[in-house]
Amino acid sequence: MRRIYKNAPSPRFPTSSPVIENCIVSETVCEVRVWTDHEWQQLPLDARPYTVEYIPGLGWVGAMLKRKT
């Protein structure tokens, strides 16, 4: 977006890892989450999602199974 809007302010991201949005992976409802580098390092290997993407300046983005409330 900054390439298009050169005068746009830099985005501000929260320091905690809130749920950004729900998504559907196959037939499963998931939560899209963002983890900081520190949070990602603290997350046990078996608790990490299989598919994640690192976005510089944001952190690790992945989908987790939706928690039942």
N, C-alpha and C. Protein backbone atom coordinates (compact mmCIF):
# COMPACT_ATOMS: atom_id res chain seq x y z
N MET A 1 0.82 -1.19 0.00
CA MET A 1 0.00 0.00 0.00
C MET A 1 0.86 1.25 0.00
N ARG A 2 2.00 1.21 0.66
CA ARG A 2 2.83 2.42 0.70
C ARG A 2 3.40 2.74 -0.68
N ARG A 3 3.48 1.75 -1.56
CA ARG A 3 3.94 2.06 -2.91
C ARG A 3 2.90 2.90 -3.64
N ILE A 4 1.63 2.63 -3.36
CA ILE A 4 0.55 3.37 -4.01
C ILE A 4 0.35 4.72 -3.32
N TYR A 5 0.32 4.71 -2.01
CA TYR A 5 0.08 5.92 -1.23
C TYR A 5 1.37 6.32 -0.54
N LYS A 6 2.23 7.02 -1.25
CA LYS A 6 3.56 7.34 -0.74
C LYS A 6 3.54 8.18 0.52
N ASN A 7 2.50 8.97 0.73
CA ASN A 7 2.42 9.82 1.91
C ASN A 7 1.63 9.18 3.05
N ALA A 8 1.23 7.93 2.86
CA ALA A 8 0.44 7.25 3.90
C ALA A 8 1.33 6.98 5.11
N PRO A 9 0.77 7.12 6.31
CA PRO A 9 1.56 6.84 7.51
C PRO A 9 1.85 5.34 7.61
N SER A 10 2.91 5.00 8.31
CA SER A 10 3.22 3.60 8.53
C SER A 10 2.13 2.98 9.39
N PRO A 11 1.75 1.74 9.09
CA PRO A 11 0.70 1.10 9.89
C PRO A 11 1.21 0.81 11.29
N ARG A 12 0.31 0.85 12.26
CA ARG A 12 0.66 0.51 13.64
C ARG A 12 0.01 -0.83 13.94
N PHE A 13 0.80 -1.74 14.47
CA PHE A 13 0.31 -3.06 14.78
C PHE A 13 0.31 -3.25 16.29
N PRO A 14 -0.67 -3.96 16.82
CA PRO A 14 -0.73 -4.19 18.26
C PRO A 14 0.44 -5.05 18.72
N THR A 15 0.82 -4.90 19.98
CA THR A 15 1.92 -5.70 20.50
C THR A 15 1.45 -7.08 20.93
N SER A 16 0.18 -7.26 21.21
CA SER A 16 -0.33 -8.59 21.54
C SER A 16 -0.73 -9.28 20.24
N SER A 17 -1.14 -10.53 20.34
CA SER A 17 -1.49 -11.26 19.13
C SER A 17 -2.99 -11.53 19.09
N PRO A 18 -3.77 -10.55 18.71
CA PRO A 18 -5.22 -10.74 18.65
C PRO A 18 -5.62 -11.57 17.44
N VAL A 19 -6.84 -12.05 17.47
CA VAL A 19 -7.40 -12.71 16.29
C VAL A 19 -7.73 -11.62 15.30
N ILE A 20 -7.20 -11.72 14.09
CA ILE A 20 -7.47 -10.72 13.08
C ILE A 20 -8.81 -10.99 12.42
N GLU A 21 -9.03 -12.21 12.04
CA GLU A 21 -10.22 -12.55 11.27
C GLU A 21 -10.39 -14.05 11.29
N ASN A 22 -11.58 -14.49 11.01
CA ASN A 22 -11.83 -15.92 10.84
C ASN A 22 -11.65 -16.24 9.37
N CYS A 23 -11.23 -17.47 9.09
CA CYS A 23 -11.12 -17.92 7.71
C CYS A 23 -11.55 -19.38 7.66
N ILE A 24 -11.78 -19.88 6.48
CA ILE A 24 -12.16 -21.28 6.32
C ILE A 24 -11.07 -21.97 5.52
N VAL A 25 -10.51 -23.03 6.10
CA VAL A 25 -9.51 -23.85 5.44
C VAL A 25 -10.16 -25.20 5.20
N SER A 26 -10.44 -25.50 3.94
CA SER A 26 -11.21 -26.68 3.57
C SER A 26 -12.59 -26.54 4.22
N GLU A 27 -12.94 -27.42 5.14
CA GLU A 27 -14.25 -27.32 5.80
C GLU A 27 -14.10 -26.90 7.25
N THR A 28 -12.95 -26.38 7.62
CA THR A 28 -12.66 -26.04 9.01
C THR A 28 -12.60 -24.52 9.18
N VAL A 29 -13.30 -24.01 10.18
CA VAL A 29 -13.22 -22.59 10.49
C VAL A 29 -11.97 -22.37 11.34
N CYS A 30 -11.16 -21.42 10.94
CA CYS A 30 -9.90 -21.12 11.63
C CYS A 30 -9.86 -19.66 12.03
N GLU A 31 -8.93 -19.35 12.93
CA GLU A 31 -8.65 -17.97 13.31
C GLU A 31 -7.32 -17.58 12.69
N VAL A 32 -7.29 -16.46 12.02
CA VAL A 32 -6.04 -15.94 11.49
C VAL A 32 -5.38 -15.16 12.62
N ARG A 33 -4.13 -15.52 12.92
CA ARG A 33 -3.44 -14.90 14.05
C ARG A 33 -2.09 -14.36 13.62
N VAL A 34 -1.60 -13.40 14.39
CA VAL A 34 -0.27 -12.83 14.18
C VAL A 34 0.52 -13.01 15.48
N TRP A 35 1.73 -13.53 15.35
CA TRP A 35 2.63 -13.69 16.49
C TRP A 35 3.86 -12.82 16.28
N THR A 36 4.29 -12.13 17.32
CA THR A 36 5.56 -11.41 17.25
C THR A 36 6.68 -12.44 17.22
N ASP A 37 7.89 -12.01 16.91
CA ASP A 37 9.03 -12.93 16.90
C ASP A 37 9.19 -13.60 18.26
N HIS A 38 9.06 -12.81 19.33
CA HIS A 38 9.20 -13.36 20.68
C HIS A 38 8.11 -14.39 20.97
N GLU A 39 6.86 -14.07 20.64
CA GLU A 39 5.76 -15.00 20.87
C GLU A 39 5.97 -16.29 20.08
N TRP A 40 6.46 -16.16 18.85
CA TRP A 40 6.68 -17.34 18.00
C TRP A 40 7.76 -18.24 18.60
N GLN A 41 8.82 -17.65 19.13
CA GLN A 41 9.89 -18.44 19.74
C GLN A 41 9.40 -19.16 20.99
N GLN A 42 8.46 -18.56 21.72
CA GLN A 42 7.93 -19.16 22.94
C GLN A 42 6.89 -20.24 22.66
N LEU A 43 6.34 -20.26 21.46
CA LEU A 43 5.29 -21.21 21.10
C LEU A 43 5.90 -22.60 20.90
N PRO A 44 5.44 -23.63 21.62
CA PRO A 44 5.99 -24.98 21.44
C PRO A 44 5.83 -25.43 19.98
N LEU A 45 6.79 -26.22 19.52
CA LEU A 45 6.76 -26.68 18.13
C LEU A 45 5.45 -27.39 17.78
N ASP A 46 4.94 -28.20 18.70
CA ASP A 46 3.71 -28.94 18.39
C ASP A 46 2.46 -28.07 18.48
N ALA A 47 2.59 -26.82 18.92
CA ALA A 47 1.44 -25.90 18.99
C ALA A 47 1.44 -24.91 17.83
N ARG A 48 2.49 -24.94 17.00
CA ARG A 48 2.57 -24.01 15.88
C ARG A 48 1.72 -24.51 14.71
N PRO A 49 1.10 -23.59 13.98
CA PRO A 49 0.33 -24.01 12.81
C PRO A 49 1.28 -24.53 11.73
N TYR A 50 0.75 -25.41 10.87
CA TYR A 50 1.57 -25.99 9.81
C TYR A 50 1.93 -24.97 8.73
N THR A 51 1.00 -24.10 8.42
CA THR A 51 1.23 -23.14 7.36
C THR A 51 1.26 -21.74 7.95
N VAL A 52 2.41 -21.12 7.88
CA VAL A 52 2.57 -19.75 8.36
C VAL A 52 3.40 -18.98 7.34
N GLU A 53 3.34 -17.69 7.45
CA GLU A 53 4.12 -16.82 6.57
C GLU A 53 4.72 -15.73 7.44
N TYR A 54 6.01 -15.46 7.26
CA TYR A 54 6.64 -14.38 8.00
C TYR A 54 6.51 -13.10 7.19
N ILE A 55 5.99 -12.05 7.81
CA ILE A 55 5.84 -10.75 7.17
C ILE A 55 6.70 -9.75 7.95
N PRO A 56 7.78 -9.26 7.33
CA PRO A 56 8.66 -8.32 8.02
C PRO A 56 7.88 -7.11 8.55
N GLY A 57 8.17 -6.74 9.78
CA GLY A 57 7.49 -5.60 10.40
C GLY A 57 6.17 -5.97 11.05
N LEU A 58 5.68 -7.17 10.79
CA LEU A 58 4.42 -7.62 11.38
C LEU A 58 4.65 -8.82 12.27
N GLY A 59 5.22 -9.87 11.73
CA GLY A 59 5.48 -11.09 12.49
C GLY A 59 5.05 -12.31 11.71
N TRP A 60 4.75 -13.37 12.43
CA TRP A 60 4.34 -14.64 11.84
C TRP A 60 2.82 -14.66 11.74
N VAL A 61 2.30 -14.96 10.57
CA VAL A 61 0.85 -14.99 10.34
C VAL A 61 0.47 -16.42 9.98
N GLY A 62 -0.55 -16.94 10.66
CA GLY A 62 -0.99 -18.30 10.39
C GLY A 62 -2.43 -18.50 10.81
N ALA A 63 -2.97 -19.66 10.46
CA ALA A 63 -4.36 -20.00 10.80
C ALA A 63 -4.36 -21.10 11.85
N MET A 64 -5.12 -20.87 12.92
CA MET A 64 -5.27 -21.85 14.00
C MET A 64 -6.72 -22.33 14.02
N LEU A 65 -6.93 -23.56 14.45
CA LEU A 65 -8.30 -24.04 14.58
C LEU A 65 -9.07 -23.12 15.51
N LYS A 66 -10.29 -22.84 15.16
CA LYS A 66 -11.12 -21.93 15.96
C LYS A 66 -11.44 -22.58 17.29
N ARG A 67 -11.25 -21.81 18.35
CA ARG A 67 -11.57 -22.29 19.70
C ARG A 67 -13.07 -22.29 19.90
N LYS A 68 -13.56 -23.32 20.55
CA LYS A 68 -14.99 -23.36 20.89
C LYS A 68 -15.23 -22.46 22.08
N THR A 69 -16.28 -21.64 21.99
CA THR A 69 -16.59 -20.73 23.10
C THR A 69 -17.90 -21.10 23.74
